C-alpha atoms as a PDB file:
ATOM      1  CA  MET A   1      59.173 102.925  66.162  1.00  0.00           C
ATOM      2  CA  ASN A   2      56.749 104.136  63.603  1.00  0.00           C
ATOM      3  CA  ILE A   3      55.641 101.576  61.226  1.00  0.00           C
ATOM      4  CA  SER A   4      53.692 102.075  57.976  1.00  0.00           C
ATOM      5  CA  VAL A   5      51.924  99.139  56.404  1.00  0.00           C
ATOM      6  CA  LEU A   6      50.691  99.146  52.783  1.00  0.00           C
ATOM      7  CA  GLY A   7      47.807  97.086  51.824  1.00  0.00           C
ATOM      8  CA  CYS A   8      44.799  96.452  54.163  1.00  0.00           C
ATOM      9  CA  GLY A   9      43.365  93.246  52.885  1.00  0.00           C
ATOM     10  CA  ARG A  10      43.576  90.165  55.436  1.00  0.00           C
ATOM     11  CA  TRP A  11      47.191  90.207  56.021  1.00  0.00           C
ATOM     12  CA  GLY A  12      47.893  93.837  55.846  1.00  0.00           C
ATOM     13  CA  SER A  13      45.346  94.501  58.464  1.00  0.00           C
ATOM     14  CA  PHE A  14      46.580  91.299  60.686  1.00  0.00           C
ATOM     15  CA  LEU A  15      50.355  92.949  60.382  1.00  0.00           C
ATOM     16  CA  ALA A  16      49.203  96.522  61.460  1.00  0.00           C
ATOM     17  CA  TRP A  17      47.292  94.806  64.285  1.00  0.00           C
ATOM     18  CA  TYR A  18      50.381  92.796  65.336  1.00  0.00           C
ATOM     19  CA  HIS A  19      53.059  95.676  65.213  1.00  0.00           C
ATOM     20  CA  SER A  20      50.443  98.271  66.901  1.00  0.00           C
ATOM     21  CA  ALA A  21      51.293  96.258  69.796  1.00  0.00           C
ATOM     22  CA  LYS A  22      54.892  97.830  70.476  1.00  0.00           C
ATOM     23  CA  ASN A  23      54.671 100.593  67.726  1.00  0.00           C
ATOM     24  CA  ASP A  24      52.660 103.513  66.373  1.00  0.00           C
ATOM     25  CA  VAL A  25      51.076 102.211  62.942  1.00  0.00           C
ATOM     26  CA  THR A  26      49.857 103.457  60.146  1.00  0.00           C
ATOM     27  CA  LEU A  27      47.656 101.504  57.878  1.00  0.00           C
ATOM     28  CA  TRP A  28      47.471 102.391  53.893  1.00  0.00           C
ATOM     29  CA  GLY A  29      44.974 101.392  51.203  1.00  0.00           C
ATOM     30  CA  ARG A  30      44.217 102.687  48.026  1.00  0.00           C
ATOM     31  CA  GLU A  31      41.522 105.392  47.770  1.00  0.00           C
ATOM     32  CA  GLY A  32      38.394 103.377  46.573  1.00  0.00           C
ATOM     33  CA  SER A  33      39.636 100.295  48.362  1.00  0.00           C
ATOM     34  CA  ARG A  34      36.611  98.062  49.610  1.00  0.00           C
ATOM     35  CA  SER A  35      38.756  96.904  52.671  1.00  0.00           C
ATOM     36  CA  LEU A  36      39.679 100.225  53.453  1.00  0.00           C
ATOM     37  CA  ALA A  37      36.331 101.453  53.290  1.00  0.00           C
ATOM     38  CA  ALA A  38      35.192  98.641  55.642  1.00  0.00           C
ATOM     39  CA  LEU A  39      37.704  99.125  58.171  1.00  0.00           C
ATOM     40  CA  ARG A  40      36.886 102.996  58.156  1.00  0.00           C
ATOM     41  CA  GLU A  41      33.400 102.266  58.621  1.00  0.00           C
ATOM     42  CA  THR A  42      33.451  99.357  61.098  1.00  0.00           C
ATOM     43  CA  GLY A  43      37.411  99.632  62.517  1.00  0.00           C
ATOM     44  CA  GLY A  44      37.545  95.657  61.541  1.00  0.00           C
ATOM     45  CA  ASN A  45      36.922  93.202  59.257  1.00  0.00           C
ATOM     46  CA  ARG A  46      35.775  89.617  59.554  1.00  0.00           C
ATOM     47  CA  TYR A  47      39.253  88.667  61.113  1.00  0.00           C
ATOM     48  CA  LEU A  48      39.836  91.051  63.687  1.00  0.00           C
ATOM     49  CA  LYS A  49      38.938  94.366  65.332  1.00  0.00           C
ATOM     50  CA  LEU A  50      41.975  97.034  64.742  1.00  0.00           C
ATOM     51  CA  PRO A  51      42.889  98.836  67.733  1.00  0.00           C
ATOM     52  CA  GLU A  52      42.087 102.712  67.596  1.00  0.00           C
ATOM     53  CA  ARG A  53      45.506 103.864  67.533  1.00  0.00           C
ATOM     54  CA  VAL A  54      45.854 102.625  64.004  1.00  0.00           C
ATOM     55  CA  CYS A  55      45.836 105.436  61.806  1.00  0.00           C
ATOM     56  CA  LEU A  56      44.382 104.712  58.251  1.00  0.00           C
ATOM     57  CA  THR A  57      44.979 106.689  55.397  1.00  0.00           C
ATOM     58  CA  SER A  58      44.792 106.246  51.798  1.00  0.00           C
ATOM     59  CA  ASN A  59      47.692 109.015  51.429  1.00  0.00           C
ATOM     60  CA  LEU A  60      50.790 107.293  50.290  1.00  0.00           C
ATOM     61  CA  GLY A  61      53.003 109.925  50.745  1.00  0.00           C
ATOM     62  CA  ALA A  62      51.926 110.762  54.343  1.00  0.00           C
ATOM     63  CA  ALA A  63      52.185 106.878  55.112  1.00  0.00           C
ATOM     64  CA  LEU A  64      55.585 106.701  53.653  1.00  0.00           C
ATOM     65  CA  GLU A  65      56.889 109.845  55.374  1.00  0.00           C
ATOM     66  CA  SER A  66      55.840 109.294  58.831  1.00  0.00           C
ATOM     67  CA  ALA A  67      57.736 105.798  58.745  1.00  0.00           C
ATOM     68  CA  GLN A  68      60.906 104.265  59.835  1.00  0.00           C
ATOM     69  CA  LEU A  69      59.815 101.036  58.758  1.00  0.00           C
ATOM     70  CA  VAL A  70      57.293 100.116  55.739  1.00  0.00           C
ATOM     71  CA  VAL A  71      55.839  96.610  55.474  1.00  0.00           C
ATOM     72  CA  ILE A  72      54.205  95.629  52.231  1.00  0.00           C
ATOM     73  CA  SER A  73      51.265  93.032  52.028  1.00  0.00           C
ATOM     74  CA  ILE A  74      49.631  93.407  48.537  1.00  0.00           C
ATOM     75  CA  SER A  75      49.091  91.083  45.491  1.00  0.00           C
ATOM     76  CA  ALA A  76      52.759  89.944  44.222  1.00  0.00           C
ATOM     77  CA  GLN A  77      51.867  91.211  40.935  1.00  0.00           C
ATOM     78  CA  GLU A  78      51.122  94.686  41.660  1.00  0.00           C
ATOM     79  CA  LEU A  79      53.998  95.010  43.555  1.00  0.00           C
ATOM     80  CA  ARG A  80      56.066  96.824  40.532  1.00  0.00           C
ATOM     81  CA  ALA A  81      53.172  99.441  40.113  1.00  0.00           C
ATOM     82  CA  LEU A  82      53.491 100.161  43.794  1.00  0.00           C
ATOM     83  CA  ALA A  83      57.154 100.417  43.787  1.00  0.00           C
ATOM     84  CA  ARG A  84      57.284 102.920  41.108  1.00  0.00           C
ATOM     85  CA  CYS A  85      54.632 105.026  43.119  1.00  0.00           C
ATOM     86  CA  ILE A  86      57.145 104.613  46.082  1.00  0.00           C
ATOM     87  CA  GLN A  87      60.083 105.688  43.999  1.00  0.00           C
ATOM     88  CA  ALA A  88      58.321 109.405  43.559  1.00  0.00           C
ATOM     89  CA  TYR A  89      58.812 110.024  47.144  1.00  0.00           C
ATOM     90  CA  PRO A  90      61.732 110.352  49.734  1.00  0.00           C
ATOM     91  CA  VAL A  91      62.349 107.000  51.077  1.00  0.00           C
ATOM     92  CA  ALA A  92      66.193 106.842  51.039  1.00  0.00           C
ATOM     93  CA  GLY A  93      67.387 105.653  54.559  1.00  0.00           C
ATOM     94  CA  LYS A  94      63.879 103.653  55.037  1.00  0.00           C
ATOM     95  CA  THR A  95      63.562  99.525  55.817  1.00  0.00           C
ATOM     96  CA  PHE A  96      61.034  97.947  53.581  1.00  0.00           C
ATOM     97  CA  ILE A  97      59.680  94.641  54.642  1.00  0.00           C
ATOM     98  CA  LEU A  98      57.777  92.343  51.718  1.00  0.00           C
ATOM     99  CA  CYS A  99      55.444  90.295  53.779  1.00  0.00           C
ATOM    100  CA  MET A 100      54.029  88.524  50.512  1.00  0.00           C
ATOM    101  CA  LYS A 101      54.613  85.540  48.350  1.00  0.00           C
ATOM    102  CA  GLY A 102      54.975  85.034  44.842  1.00  0.00           C
ATOM    103  CA  LEU A 103      57.037  85.811  41.509  1.00  0.00           C
ATOM    104  CA  GLU A 104      56.393  88.109  38.986  1.00  0.00           C
ATOM    105  CA  CYS A 105      54.961  86.847  35.962  1.00  0.00           C
ATOM    106  CA  GLY A 106      56.624  87.563  32.647  1.00  0.00           C
ATOM    107  CA  THR A 107      59.994  88.537  33.731  1.00  0.00           C
ATOM    108  CA  GLY A 108      60.193  85.695  36.849  1.00  0.00           C
ATOM    109  CA  ASP A 109      61.786  88.162  39.070  1.00  0.00           C
ATOM    110  CA  ARG A 110      61.863  87.659  42.484  1.00  0.00           C
ATOM    111  CA  LEU A 111      59.460  90.215  44.959  1.00  0.00           C
ATOM    112  CA  THR A 112      63.033  91.940  46.094  1.00  0.00           C
ATOM    113  CA  GLN A 113      64.560  92.055  42.503  1.00  0.00           C
ATOM    114  CA  VAL A 114      60.926  93.724  41.410  1.00  0.00           C
ATOM    115  CA  PHE A 115      61.298  96.480  44.379  1.00  0.00           C
ATOM    116  CA  ARG A 116      64.929  96.833  43.774  1.00  0.00           C
ATOM    117  CA  SER A 117      64.648  97.563  40.075  1.00  0.00           C
ATOM    118  CA  GLU A 118      61.855 100.647  40.791  1.00  0.00           C
ATOM    119  CA  VAL A 119      63.289 101.913  43.962  1.00  0.00           C
ATOM    120  CA  THR A 120      66.688 103.036  43.379  1.00  0.00           C
ATOM    121  CA  GLN A 121      67.155 105.100  46.180  1.00  0.00           C
ATOM    122  CA  PRO A 122      69.221 103.639  48.916  1.00  0.00           C
ATOM    123  CA  VAL A 123      66.839 101.715  51.052  1.00  0.00           C
ATOM    124  CA  SER A 124      66.877  98.275  53.070  1.00  0.00           C
ATOM    125  CA  VAL A 125      64.792  95.241  51.713  1.00  0.00           C
ATOM    126  CA  ALA A 126      63.897  91.979  53.592  1.00  0.00           C
ATOM    127  CA  VAL A 127      61.236  89.487  53.146  1.00  0.00           C
ATOM    128  CA  TRP A 128      58.843  88.071  56.265  1.00  0.00           C
ATOM    129  CA  VAL A 129      57.315  84.835  54.900  1.00  0.00           C
ATOM    130  CA  GLY A 130      56.580  81.466  56.045  1.00  0.00           C
ATOM    131  CA  PRO A 131      53.525  79.534  57.762  1.00  0.00           C
ATOM    132  CA  GLY A 132      50.374  81.275  59.412  1.00  0.00           C
ATOM    133  CA  HIS A 133      47.023  82.130  59.186  1.00  0.00           C
ATOM    134  CA  VAL A 134      45.357  85.281  60.462  1.00  0.00           C
ATOM    135  CA  GLU A 135      42.600  83.197  61.777  1.00  0.00           C
ATOM    136  CA  ASP A 136      45.260  81.006  64.060  1.00  0.00           C
ATOM    137  CA  PHE A 137      46.967  84.094  65.187  1.00  0.00           C
ATOM    138  CA  THR A 138      44.027  86.015  66.186  1.00  0.00           C
ATOM    139  CA  ALA A 139      42.601  83.183  68.004  1.00  0.00           C
ATOM    140  CA  GLY A 140      46.542  83.084  69.962  1.00  0.00           C
ATOM    141  CA  VAL A 141      47.876  80.357  68.135  1.00  0.00           C
ATOM    142  CA  PRO A 142      51.412  80.644  67.679  1.00  0.00           C
ATOM    143  CA  ASN A 143      53.742  80.018  64.870  1.00  0.00           C
ATOM    144  CA  CYS A 144      57.161  80.386  63.319  1.00  0.00           C
ATOM    145  CA  MET A 145      58.323  82.729  60.056  1.00  0.00           C
ATOM    146  CA  VAL A 146      61.390  83.132  58.657  1.00  0.00           C
ATOM    147  CA  VAL A 147      63.122  87.032  57.484  1.00  0.00           C
ATOM    148  CA  ASP A 148      65.583  87.368  54.997  1.00  0.00           C
ATOM    149  CA  SER A 149      67.412  89.851  53.059  1.00  0.00           C
ATOM    150  CA  ASP A 150      70.598  90.489  51.104  1.00  0.00           C
ATOM    151  CA  ASP A 151      71.619  92.554  54.583  1.00  0.00           C
ATOM    152  CA  ARG A 152      72.493  90.459  57.451  1.00  0.00           C
ATOM    153  CA  THR A 153      72.217  93.556  59.758  1.00  0.00           C
ATOM    154  CA  VAL A 154      68.385  94.216  58.597  1.00  0.00           C
ATOM    155  CA  VAL A 155      67.927  90.539  59.263  1.00  0.00           C
ATOM    156  CA  ASP A 156      69.121  90.843  62.622  1.00  0.00           C
ATOM    157  CA  PHE A 157      67.246  93.927  63.664  1.00  0.00           C
ATOM    158  CA  ILE A 158      63.929  92.610  62.314  1.00  0.00           C
ATOM    159  CA  VAL A 159      63.998  89.496  64.275  1.00  0.00           C
ATOM    160  CA  GLU A 160      65.395  90.901  67.156  1.00  0.00           C
ATOM    161  CA  THR A 161      62.747  93.212  67.704  1.00  0.00           C
ATOM    162  CA  MET A 162      59.792  91.999  66.166  1.00  0.00           C
ATOM    163  CA  SER A 163      59.809  88.373  67.410  1.00  0.00           C
ATOM    164  CA  THR A 164      57.283  87.701  70.021  1.00  0.00           C
ATOM    165  CA  ASP A 165      55.322  84.955  71.434  1.00  0.00           C
ATOM    166  CA  LEU A 166      52.804  84.593  68.910  1.00  0.00           C
ATOM    167  CA  ILE A 167      55.044  84.983  66.026  1.00  0.00           C
ATOM    168  CA  ARG A 168      58.887  83.566  66.363  1.00  0.00           C
ATOM    169  CA  LEU A 169      61.058  84.698  63.658  1.00  0.00           C
ATOM    170  CA  TYR A 170      64.143  82.865  62.251  1.00  0.00           C
ATOM    171  CA  LYS A 171      66.993  84.329  60.412  1.00  0.00           C
ATOM    172  CA  GLY A 172      67.079  83.135  56.691  1.00  0.00           C
ATOM    173  CA  GLY A 173      70.694  82.816  55.104  1.00  0.00           C
ATOM    174  CA  ASP A 174      69.340  82.243  51.334  1.00  0.00           C
ATOM    175  CA  LEU A 175      67.592  85.021  50.017  1.00  0.00           C
ATOM    176  CA  VAL A 176      66.903  83.295  46.419  1.00  0.00           C
ATOM    177  CA  GLY A 177      65.677  79.749  47.948  1.00  0.00           C
ATOM    178  CA  THR A 178      63.566  81.731  50.687  1.00  0.00           C
ATOM    179  CA  GLU A 179      61.694  83.695  48.174  1.00  0.00           C
ATOM    180  CA  VAL A 180      61.618  81.081  45.348  1.00  0.00           C
ATOM    181  CA  GLY A 181      60.364  78.279  48.072  1.00  0.00           C
ATOM    182  CA  ALA A 182      57.948  80.814  49.529  1.00  0.00           C
ATOM    183  CA  ALA A 183      56.198  81.293  46.405  1.00  0.00           C
ATOM    184  CA  ALA A 184      56.283  77.785  44.954  1.00  0.00           C
ATOM    185  CA  LYS A 185      54.438  76.651  48.321  1.00  0.00           C
ATOM    186  CA  ASN A 186      51.195  78.456  46.976  1.00  0.00           C
ATOM    187  CA  VAL A 187      51.395  75.937  43.735  1.00  0.00           C
ATOM    188  CA  ILE A 188      52.010  72.755  45.475  1.00  0.00           C
ATOM    189  CA  GLY A 189      48.947  74.171  47.575  1.00  0.00           C
ATOM    190  CA  ILE A 190      46.744  74.494  44.676  1.00  0.00           C
ATOM    191  CA  ALA A 191      47.967  71.044  43.704  1.00  0.00           C
ATOM    192  CA  ALA A 192      46.571  69.466  47.363  1.00  0.00           C
ATOM    193  CA  GLY A 193      43.428  71.243  46.697  1.00  0.00           C
ATOM    194  CA  MET A 194      42.702  69.571  43.737  1.00  0.00           C
ATOM    195  CA  LEU A 195      43.837  66.476  45.234  1.00  0.00           C
ATOM    196  CA  ASP A 196      41.266  67.067  47.766  1.00  0.00           C
ATOM    197  CA  GLY A 197      38.783  67.711  45.219  1.00  0.00           C
ATOM    198  CA  LYS A 198      39.156  64.706  43.393  1.00  0.00           C
ATOM    199  CA  GLY A 199      39.015  62.730  46.825  1.00  0.00           C
ATOM    200  CA  LEU A 200      42.645  61.780  46.672  1.00  0.00           C
ATOM    201  CA  SER A 201      43.699  63.440  49.752  1.00  0.00           C
ATOM    202  CA  SER A 202      45.967  60.370  50.400  1.00  0.00           C
ATOM    203  CA  LEU A 203      48.486  61.317  47.552  1.00  0.00           C
ATOM    204  CA  LYS A 204      49.296  64.278  49.426  1.00  0.00           C
ATOM    205  CA  GLY A 205      52.152  62.671  51.067  1.00  0.00           C
ATOM    206  CA  SER A 206      53.976  61.997  47.942  1.00  0.00           C
ATOM    207  CA  LEU A 207      52.706  65.690  46.598  1.00  0.00           C
ATOM    208  CA  MET A 208      54.899  66.856  49.582  1.00  0.00           C
ATOM    209  CA  ALA A 209      57.949  64.583  49.012  1.00  0.00           C
ATOM    210  CA  ARG A 210      58.390  65.379  45.478  1.00  0.00           C
ATOM    211  CA  GLY A 211      57.023  68.813  45.659  1.00  0.00           C
ATOM    212  CA  ALA A 212      59.974  69.817  47.929  1.00  0.00           C
ATOM    213  CA  ARG A 213      62.508  67.918  45.654  1.00  0.00           C
ATOM    214  CA  GLU A 214      61.227  69.799  42.479  1.00  0.00           C
ATOM    215  CA  ILE A 215      61.619  73.091  44.096  1.00  0.00           C
ATOM    216  CA  ALA A 216      64.953  72.500  45.472  1.00  0.00           C
ATOM    217  CA  ARG A 217      66.308  71.429  42.045  1.00  0.00           C
ATOM    218  CA  LEU A 218      64.949  74.862  40.781  1.00  0.00           C
ATOM    219  CA  ILE A 219      66.659  76.879  43.888  1.00  0.00           C
ATOM    220  CA  ARG A 220      69.978  74.988  43.310  1.00  0.00           C
ATOM    221  CA  ALA A 221      69.915  76.107  39.655  1.00  0.00           C
ATOM    222  CA  MET A 222      68.957  79.490  40.417  1.00  0.00           C
ATOM    223  CA  GLY A 223      72.146  80.161  42.587  1.00  0.00           C
ATOM    224  CA  GLY A 224      70.386  79.168  45.787  1.00  0.00           C
ATOM    225  CA  ASN A 225      70.747  76.486  48.403  1.00  0.00           C
ATOM    226  CA  GLU A 226      68.484  73.627  47.637  1.00  0.00           C
ATOM    227  CA  LEU A 227      68.238  72.872  51.776  1.00  0.00           C
ATOM    228  CA  SER A 228      66.106  76.388  51.735  1.00  0.00           C
ATOM    229  CA  ALA A 229      63.128  74.190  50.186  1.00  0.00           C
ATOM    230  CA  TYR A 230      63.134  71.971  53.454  1.00  0.00           C
ATOM    231  CA  GLY A 231      63.054  74.842  55.763  1.00  0.00           C
ATOM    232  CA  LEU A 232      60.052  77.504  56.906  1.00  0.00           C
ATOM    233  CA  CYS A 233      59.880  78.870  53.929  1.00  0.00           C
ATOM    234  CA  HIS A 234      58.452  76.111  51.815  1.00  0.00           C
ATOM    235  CA  LEU A 235      58.473  72.419  53.325  1.00  0.00           C
ATOM    236  CA  GLY A 236      57.725  74.170  56.793  1.00  0.00           C
ATOM    237  CA  ASP A 237      54.732  75.979  55.252  1.00  0.00           C
ATOM    238  CA  TYR A 238      53.111  72.749  53.715  1.00  0.00           C
ATOM    239  CA  GLU A 239      51.070  71.853  56.807  1.00  0.00           C
ATOM    240  CA  ALA A 240      49.334  75.464  56.657  1.00  0.00           C
ATOM    241  CA  THR A 241      48.964  75.682  53.165  1.00  0.00           C
ATOM    242  CA  LEU A 242      48.408  71.805  51.856  1.00  0.00           C
ATOM    243  CA  PHE A 243      45.793  70.827  54.886  1.00  0.00           C
ATOM    244  CA  SER A 244      44.472  74.263  56.427  1.00  0.00           C
ATOM    245  CA  SER A 245      40.843  75.149  55.755  1.00  0.00           C
ATOM    246  CA  HIS A 246      42.005  78.939  55.810  1.00  0.00           C
ATOM    247  CA  SER A 247      44.562  78.216  52.924  1.00  0.00           C
ATOM    248  CA  HIS A 248      43.375  80.133  49.698  1.00  0.00           C
ATOM    249  CA  ASN A 249      45.584  78.135  47.660  1.00  0.00           C
ATOM    250  CA  ARG A 250      44.184  74.912  48.660  1.00  0.00           C
ATOM    251  CA  GLN A 251      40.642  75.891  48.769  1.00  0.00           C
ATOM    252  CA  PHE A 252      41.324  77.470  45.138  1.00  0.00           C
ATOM    253  CA  GLY A 253      42.509  74.091  43.883  1.00  0.00           C
ATOM    254  CA  GLU A 254      39.840  72.266  45.321  1.00  0.00           C
ATOM    255  CA  SER A 255      36.967  74.573  44.088  1.00  0.00           C
ATOM    256  CA  TYR A 256      38.540  74.602  40.839  1.00  0.00           C
ATOM    257  CA  ILE A 257      38.080  70.844  40.470  1.00  0.00           C
ATOM    258  CA  LYS A 258      34.607  70.906  41.846  1.00  0.00           C
ATOM    259  CA  GLY A 259      33.781  73.638  39.188  1.00  0.00           C
ATOM    260  CA  GLU A 260      32.719  75.861  41.951  1.00  0.00           C
ATOM    261  CA  PRO A 261      33.516  79.699  42.028  1.00  0.00           C
ATOM    262  CA  TYR A 262      36.337  81.321  44.567  1.00  0.00           C
ATOM    263  CA  GLY A 263      36.572  84.847  44.945  1.00  0.00           C
ATOM    264  CA  SER A 264      39.446  85.277  47.124  1.00  0.00           C
ATOM    265  CA  LEU A 265      43.238  85.846  45.980  1.00  0.00           C
ATOM    266  CA  ALA A 266      45.176  82.876  45.040  1.00  0.00           C
ATOM    267  CA  GLU A 267      48.792  83.641  44.633  1.00  0.00           C
ATOM    268  CA  GLY A 268      49.706  80.407  43.266  1.00  0.00           C
ATOM    269  CA  VAL A 269      47.700  80.917  40.072  1.00  0.00           C
ATOM    270  CA  PRO A 270      49.667  83.618  38.698  1.00  0.00           C
ATOM    271  CA  THR A 271      53.003  82.338  40.428  1.00  0.00           C
ATOM    272  CA  VAL A 272      52.738  79.132  38.529  1.00  0.00           C
ATOM    273  CA  ARG A 273      53.071  80.490  35.479  1.00  0.00           C
ATOM    274  CA  ALA A 274      56.430  82.224  36.486  1.00  0.00           C
ATOM    275  CA  LEU A 275      57.895  78.936  37.647  1.00  0.00           C
ATOM    276  CA  VAL A 276      57.154  77.332  34.441  1.00  0.00           C
ATOM    277  CA  GLU A 277      58.924  79.963  32.608  1.00  0.00           C
ATOM    278  CA  LEU A 278      61.734  79.718  35.164  1.00  0.00           C
ATOM    279  CA  GLY A 279      61.710  75.715  34.840  1.00  0.00           C
ATOM    280  CA  ALA A 280      62.270  76.452  30.987  1.00  0.00           C
ATOM    281  CA  ARG A 281      64.830  79.077  31.494  1.00  0.00           C
ATOM    282  CA  TYR A 282      66.914  76.853  33.886  1.00  0.00           C
ATOM    283  CA  GLY A 283      66.411  73.355  32.095  1.00  0.00           C
ATOM    284  CA  VAL A 284      64.904  72.093  35.540  1.00  0.00           C
ATOM    285  CA  GLU A 285      62.117  69.554  35.523  1.00  0.00           C
ATOM    286  CA  LEU A 286      58.934  70.671  37.172  1.00  0.00           C
ATOM    287  CA  PRO A 287      56.363  67.976  36.826  1.00  0.00           C
ATOM    288  CA  ILE A 288      53.936  69.441  39.395  1.00  0.00           C
ATOM    289  CA  CYS A 289      53.998  73.071  38.393  1.00  0.00           C
ATOM    290  CA  ASN A 290      53.696  71.903  34.814  1.00  0.00           C
ATOM    291  CA  THR A 291      50.779  69.931  35.424  1.00  0.00           C
ATOM    292  CA  ILE A 292      48.878  72.676  37.486  1.00  0.00           C
ATOM    293  CA  TYR A 293      49.851  75.042  34.806  1.00  0.00           C
ATOM    294  CA  ALA A 294      48.065  72.705  31.998  1.00  0.00           C
ATOM    295  CA  ILE A 295      45.230  72.532  34.153  1.00  0.00           C
ATOM    296  CA  LEU A 296      44.848  76.351  34.684  1.00  0.00           C
ATOM    297  CA  TYR A 297      45.965  77.587  31.475  1.00  0.00           C
ATOM    298  CA  GLU A 298      45.936  74.841  28.802  1.00  0.00           C
ATOM    299  CA  GLU A 299      42.633  73.476  29.505  1.00  0.00           C
ATOM    300  CA  ALA A 300      44.040  69.989  30.151  1.00  0.00           C
ATOM    301  CA  ASP A 301      41.932  67.412  31.876  1.00  0.00           C
ATOM    302  CA  ALA A 302      42.300  67.557  35.327  1.00  0.00           C
ATOM    303  CA  ASP A 303      41.777  63.900  36.058  1.00  0.00           C
ATOM    304  CA  ALA A 304      44.006  62.617  33.227  1.00  0.00           C
ATOM    305  CA  ALA A 305      46.890  65.181  34.033  1.00  0.00           C
ATOM    306  CA  LEU A 306      46.877  64.091  37.845  1.00  0.00           C
ATOM    307  CA  ARG A 307      46.599  60.534  36.880  1.00  0.00           C
ATOM    308  CA  THR A 308      49.836  60.822  34.635  1.00  0.00           C
ATOM    309  CA  LEU A 309      51.638  62.885  37.411  1.00  0.00           C
ATOM    310  CA  PHE A 310      51.162  60.296  39.734  1.00  0.00           C
ATOM    311  CA  THR A 311      51.757  57.417  37.587  1.00  0.00           C
ATOM    312  CA  ARG A 312      54.510  58.786  35.786  1.00  0.00           C
ATOM    313  CA  SER A 313      57.944  57.066  36.290  1.00  0.00           C
ATOM    314  CA  VAL A 314      59.943  58.759  39.331  1.00  0.00           C
ATOM    315  CA  LYS A 315      63.416  56.929  38.309  1.00  0.00           C
ATOM    316  CA  GLY A 316      65.630  59.758  39.389  1.00  0.00           C
ATOM    317  CA  GLU A 317      63.243  61.882  41.198  1.00  0.00           C
ATOM    318  CA  PHE A 318      65.208  62.216  44.254  1.00  0.00           C
ATOM    319  CA  ASP A 319      68.598  62.376  42.341  1.00  0.00           C
ATOM    320  CA  SER A 320      70.746  65.449  42.739  1.00  0.00           C
END
């Protein structure tokens, strides 16, 4: 099968590496991209070495034309712009997999909603999310992830053809819950990093219990299955996101608290804005998300905000 991966950063380059074991793979990056330039110059990055059979290109039309299946791994906030570019090419009949986590700021749209609003040709769309870090996968450490779509045949196809001993794929059955849960876990990751930065790592147990319940309430209000918050898309991703040294969101939170610069992408930073908007829209209390938002965007004192979060009354916290 011919697969094109759009996005040549850490996760995109890994997905090209992963899929190239069984498929012909084209890896696309924007012209001028430092990641693409490094891959062209050295054939790899600090995470992996690409097989020579992976074709590198900055020609989006060529990447789309050659592919039966297109994997997208870019910043969530850049998806709409890329989708508009994709719409300009004949892509009817192709399958797109969004291997990314986030919600669009300003609209609160899930990523499949963003994509379908711009790509109006008849295509199939799925998401592939869940725990796992490139550093672990390339070292041979396995993990489980989840695939979801509004088309069950697409889920079946992806899971049955792309599962390996390295990544075991499970079938999701709640696209709303899967997308919201996957996006929100990054915000909980930032909160975990802030606790680490304050020397309060012992509170991450409370953070995990309350975080999953908080997001479950939002998923239910949005029409999804609240149990999805306790699956691989959200709670199942906590170990990788709240504890791992490889987690960008956890590290961002710790660096922010310590006043240290952090140059890597932390998707939870824009996502928390969208979650706060959704909480207000659906009338759902989101104390953790609101606290992180206040610290990042309203210059709230982190010590006071975190202290208030973990000393507030929890009456009704686990009520339905």
